[in-house]
């Protein structure tokens, strides 16, 4: 059973930093694109950043210059370094990945930024 597990969320003051991790486990043959999404209360889930298997990245305009997505293929793990956090970044953050040709989601980790 392949699964994704996020960690690293928490409460931080405005201007602070957090680093999220997303670890894939199970019988893994291939991991394609991986991405981070967030969902604020009463809002739709939204793409934050994506990284392909070759390391190419893309970001939502709202996080460009503040967030950095990366991956360690040897550890089957993806990261999101979040700097200069703002209250509007408050949301549940989910990781997504294409693993063995199937779309997988993690369970989510809460990020709360206080003003």
Protein backbone atom coordinates (compact mmCIF):
# COMPACT_ATOMS: atom_id res chain seq x y z
CA UNK A 1 0.00 0.00 0.00
CA UNK A 2 1.58 3.23 -1.18
CA UNK A 3 1.00 6.26 1.01
CA UNK A 4 2.11 9.87 1.41
CA UNK A 5 2.67 11.37 4.84
CA UNK A 6 3.13 15.10 5.42
CA UNK A 7 4.88 16.65 8.40
CA UNK A 8 6.25 19.99 9.51
CA UNK A 9 3.12 22.07 9.89
CA UNK A 10 2.44 24.24 12.90
CA UNK A 11 1.82 27.71 14.26
CA UNK A 12 4.18 30.52 13.27
CA UNK A 13 4.15 34.30 13.44
CA UNK A 14 3.85 36.44 10.35
CA UNK A 15 7.25 36.70 8.66
CA UNK A 16 8.36 33.36 10.01
CA UNK A 17 9.35 30.15 8.24
CA UNK A 18 8.30 26.51 8.13
CA UNK A 19 9.54 23.50 6.20
CA UNK A 20 7.02 20.87 5.15
CA UNK A 21 7.99 17.32 4.22
CA UNK A 22 6.08 14.69 2.28
CA UNK A 23 7.41 11.15 2.47
CA UNK A 24 6.22 8.39 0.16
CA UNK A 25 6.33 4.79 1.39
CA UNK A 26 5.28 1.35 0.25
CA UNK A 27 6.00 -0.56 -2.96
CA UNK A 28 7.28 2.30 -5.11
CA UNK A 29 8.61 1.76 -8.62
CA UNK A 30 8.31 5.24 -10.01
CA UNK A 31 7.38 8.70 -8.75
CA UNK A 32 6.47 11.27 -11.37
CA UNK A 33 5.38 14.81 -10.67
CA UNK A 34 4.84 15.87 -7.08
CA UNK A 35 3.05 18.92 -5.77
CA UNK A 36 1.83 20.89 -2.79
CA UNK A 37 -1.73 22.17 -2.49
CA UNK A 38 -3.44 24.13 0.22
CA UNK A 39 -7.03 24.53 1.32
CA UNK A 40 -8.22 27.35 3.53
CA UNK A 41 -11.53 27.09 5.41
CA UNK A 42 -14.54 27.26 3.08
CA UNK A 43 -12.28 27.58 0.04
CA UNK A 44 -11.32 25.21 -2.74
CA UNK A 45 -8.06 23.28 -2.71
CA UNK A 46 -5.46 25.24 -4.68
CA UNK A 47 -2.12 24.36 -6.24
CA UNK A 48 0.83 26.00 -4.48
CA UNK A 49 3.84 24.48 -6.24
CA UNK A 50 4.75 21.53 -8.41
CA UNK A 51 7.99 19.72 -9.24
CA UNK A 52 8.47 17.20 -12.01
CA UNK A 53 10.68 14.12 -11.97
CA UNK A 54 13.52 16.10 -13.55
CA UNK A 55 13.39 18.88 -10.97
CA UNK A 56 11.50 21.44 -13.01
CA UNK A 57 9.32 23.64 -10.82
CA UNK A 58 6.31 25.92 -11.08
CA UNK A 59 4.69 28.14 -8.44
CA UNK A 60 1.46 29.97 -7.85
CA UNK A 61 2.05 33.71 -8.15
CA UNK A 62 1.09 34.24 -4.51
CA UNK A 63 4.12 32.27 -3.24
CA UNK A 64 6.79 33.07 -5.83
CA UNK A 65 9.95 34.32 -4.18
CA UNK A 66 8.81 33.08 -0.75
CA UNK A 67 8.33 29.31 -1.12
CA UNK A 68 10.73 26.74 -2.57
CA UNK A 69 9.73 23.23 -3.59
CA UNK A 70 12.33 20.47 -3.79
CA UNK A 71 12.59 16.68 -3.78
CA UNK A 72 15.06 14.00 -2.78
CA UNK A 73 14.44 11.08 -5.13
CA UNK A 74 16.71 8.79 -3.10
CA UNK A 75 14.49 9.29 -0.07
CA UNK A 76 11.17 9.47 -1.97
CA UNK A 77 10.54 12.75 -0.19
CA UNK A 78 9.40 16.19 -1.26
CA UNK A 79 9.82 19.43 0.66
CA UNK A 80 8.29 22.89 0.77
CA UNK A 81 10.40 25.62 2.35
CA UNK A 82 8.08 28.46 3.27
CA UNK A 83 9.63 31.83 4.16
CA UNK A 84 8.12 35.25 4.85
CA UNK A 85 4.85 33.59 5.81
CA UNK A 86 1.69 35.68 5.80
CA UNK A 87 -1.64 35.17 7.60
CA UNK A 88 -3.25 34.43 4.24
CA UNK A 89 -0.97 31.37 3.93
CA UNK A 90 -2.99 29.77 6.73
CA UNK A 91 -4.47 26.51 5.41
CA UNK A 92 -4.21 22.76 5.44
CA UNK A 93 -1.34 21.78 3.15
CA UNK A 94 -1.61 18.56 1.16
CA UNK A 95 0.99 16.77 -0.91
CA UNK A 96 0.12 14.98 -4.12
CA UNK A 97 2.20 12.65 -6.25
CA UNK A 98 1.94 10.36 -9.23
CA UNK A 99 3.23 7.05 -7.87
CA UNK A 100 3.38 3.94 -10.05
CA UNK A 101 1.06 5.76 -12.46
CA UNK A 102 -1.58 6.49 -9.83
CA UNK A 103 -2.52 9.79 -8.21
CA UNK A 104 -1.98 9.80 -4.45
CA UNK A 105 -2.78 12.37 -1.75
CA UNK A 106 -1.44 12.81 1.74
CA UNK A 107 -3.67 13.41 4.76
CA UNK A 108 -2.71 17.08 5.14
CA UNK A 109 -0.85 19.18 7.70
CA UNK A 110 -2.15 22.40 9.24
CA UNK A 111 -0.19 25.63 8.82
CA UNK A 112 -1.37 28.60 10.85
CA UNK A 113 0.25 32.03 10.52
CA UNK A 114 -0.63 34.57 13.20
CA UNK A 115 -0.53 38.30 12.56
